[in-house]
Amino acid sequence: MTNLPETRVTNLDLNNEWLTISFNQPEKRNALTEELTKDINEVFDLIRDDFSIRGVTMRGEGGIFCAGGDLKMFKSDFQGGEKNLKDVRKASEMTGKFFDMINSFPKPVIMLAEGAAMAGGL
């Protein structure tokens, strides 16, 4: 059985062989921030081959599932000039990995959407 990692902006709850991942940045409408995608990617990498975990539910805290991309981060990065374009590319690649990982994950992944679910949050 895998020891679940300490995460920055998600809550992890393992119950009866099922992992629930809760996005926990309701003040940011659970947007797909760099921290959130890092957390999810790390957890999915860790549990991919763990047969004691049979599936995953993803949900949002605070009555909001997910607002999609972190537009404030993109705005500040785009206004930051050439140096910040590397950050935009890195964030885009990390978000792409996030979606690929969910779509190709070998276990069931259920999205429990309550409240707002916009753009990339769908």
Protein backbone atom coordinates (compact mmCIF):
# COMPACT_ATOMS: atom_id res chain seq x y z
CA MET A 1 0.00 0.00 0.00
CA THR A 2 1.27 3.43 -0.96
CA ASN A 3 1.83 6.10 1.65
CA LEU A 4 0.02 9.14 0.32
CA PRO A 5 2.12 12.29 0.03
CA GLU A 6 1.67 15.54 1.89
CA THR A 7 -0.05 17.82 -0.59
CA ARG A 8 -0.15 21.59 -0.83
CA VAL A 9 -3.66 22.41 -2.02
CA THR A 10 -5.55 19.12 -2.09
CA ASN A 11 -7.04 16.95 0.61
CA LEU A 12 -6.58 13.19 0.23
CA ASP A 13 -8.91 10.64 1.80
CA LEU A 14 -8.39 6.91 1.31
CA ASN A 15 -11.43 4.89 2.33
CA ASN A 16 -12.31 1.30 1.37
CA GLU A 17 -9.68 1.13 -1.39
CA TRP A 18 -11.00 4.34 -2.98
CA LEU A 19 -9.08 7.63 -3.00
CA THR A 20 -10.92 10.94 -2.89
CA ILE A 21 -8.92 13.98 -3.98
CA SER A 22 -10.51 17.28 -2.98
CA PHE A 23 -9.34 20.51 -4.60
CA ASN A 24 -8.94 22.84 -1.63
CA GLN A 25 -8.52 26.39 -2.91
CA PRO A 26 -12.11 27.67 -2.83
CA GLU A 27 -10.81 31.25 -2.49
CA LYS A 28 -9.42 30.75 -6.03
CA ARG A 29 -12.54 28.84 -7.10
CA ASN A 30 -10.36 25.71 -7.16
CA ALA A 31 -8.65 26.93 -10.32
CA LEU A 32 -6.03 24.72 -11.97
CA THR A 33 -3.09 26.45 -10.33
CA GLU A 34 0.46 25.22 -10.65
CA GLU A 35 0.26 23.86 -7.10
CA LEU A 36 -2.97 21.96 -7.82
CA THR A 37 -1.69 20.31 -10.99
CA LYS A 38 1.58 19.40 -9.23
CA ASP A 39 -0.37 17.79 -6.38
CA ILE A 40 -2.59 15.77 -8.71
CA ASN A 41 0.25 14.69 -11.00
CA GLU A 42 2.32 13.57 -8.00
CA VAL A 43 -0.54 11.58 -6.48
CA PHE A 44 -1.50 9.91 -9.78
CA ASP A 45 2.14 8.98 -10.46
CA LEU A 46 2.36 7.45 -7.00
CA ILE A 47 -0.86 5.40 -7.08
CA ARG A 48 -0.83 4.29 -10.74
CA ASP A 49 0.57 0.82 -9.93
CA ASP A 50 -0.79 0.52 -6.39
CA PHE A 51 -3.34 -2.29 -6.54
CA SER A 52 -4.62 -1.47 -3.05
CA ILE A 53 -6.25 1.66 -4.54
CA ARG A 54 -9.03 0.69 -6.94
CA GLY A 55 -10.19 4.12 -8.12
CA VAL A 56 -10.25 7.87 -7.62
CA THR A 57 -12.92 10.49 -7.07
CA MET A 58 -12.03 14.13 -7.64
CA ARG A 59 -14.13 16.91 -6.14
CA GLY A 60 -13.91 20.55 -5.14
CA GLU A 61 -14.22 22.09 -1.68
CA GLY A 62 -16.38 25.11 -0.91
CA GLY A 63 -19.26 24.27 -3.26
CA ILE A 64 -17.13 24.82 -6.38
CA PHE A 65 -15.70 22.01 -8.49
CA CYS A 66 -13.17 23.90 -10.61
CA ALA A 67 -12.98 27.25 -12.38
CA GLY A 68 -10.56 25.97 -15.03
CA GLY A 69 -7.21 27.61 -15.65
CA ASP A 70 -5.72 30.13 -13.23
CA LEU A 71 -6.33 33.26 -15.30
CA LYS A 72 -4.66 35.58 -12.77
CA MET A 73 -1.44 33.58 -13.08
CA PHE A 74 -1.61 33.61 -16.88
CA LYS A 75 -2.25 37.36 -16.90
CA SER A 76 0.73 38.13 -14.66
CA ASP A 77 2.98 35.73 -16.59
CA PHE A 78 2.01 37.19 -19.97
CA GLN A 79 2.59 40.72 -18.69
CA GLY A 80 5.99 39.71 -17.31
CA GLY A 81 7.77 39.71 -20.66
CA GLU A 82 10.01 37.10 -22.25
CA LYS A 83 11.26 35.64 -18.96
CA ASN A 84 7.75 34.72 -17.87
CA LEU A 85 6.88 33.03 -21.16
CA LYS A 86 8.92 30.07 -19.89
CA ASP A 87 6.59 29.94 -16.88
CA VAL A 88 3.55 30.00 -19.19
CA ARG A 89 4.99 27.12 -21.23
CA LYS A 90 5.82 25.14 -18.07
CA ALA A 91 2.31 25.65 -16.66
CA SER A 92 0.73 24.66 -19.99
CA GLU A 93 2.83 21.49 -20.17
CA MET A 94 2.00 20.59 -16.57
CA THR A 95 -1.72 21.11 -17.21
CA GLY A 96 -1.48 19.00 -20.37
CA LYS A 97 0.16 16.22 -18.35
CA PHE A 98 -2.66 16.57 -15.80
CA PHE A 99 -5.35 15.97 -18.47
CA ASP A 100 -3.39 13.17 -20.17
CA MET A 101 -2.86 11.43 -16.85
CA ILE A 102 -6.57 11.49 -16.02
CA ASN A 103 -7.59 10.32 -19.50
CA SER A 104 -5.09 7.45 -19.61
CA PHE A 105 -5.25 6.41 -15.95
CA PRO A 106 -5.69 2.62 -15.65
CA LYS A 107 -8.26 2.94 -12.85
CA PRO A 108 -11.69 4.58 -12.80
CA VAL A 109 -11.60 8.34 -12.19
CA ILE A 110 -14.89 9.97 -11.22
CA MET A 111 -15.41 13.73 -11.20
CA LEU A 112 -17.93 14.80 -8.59
CA ALA A 113 -18.87 18.24 -9.91
CA GLU A 114 -20.80 20.40 -7.46
CA GLY A 115 -21.32 24.05 -8.30
CA ALA A 116 -19.17 25.77 -10.90
CA ALA A 117 -17.24 23.64 -13.39
CA MET A 118 -15.83 25.83 -16.15
CA ALA A 119 -13.41 25.55 -19.09
CA GLY A 120 -10.56 23.18 -18.12
CA GLY A 121 -12.51 22.28 -14.98
CA LEU A 122 -14.90 20.25 -17.11
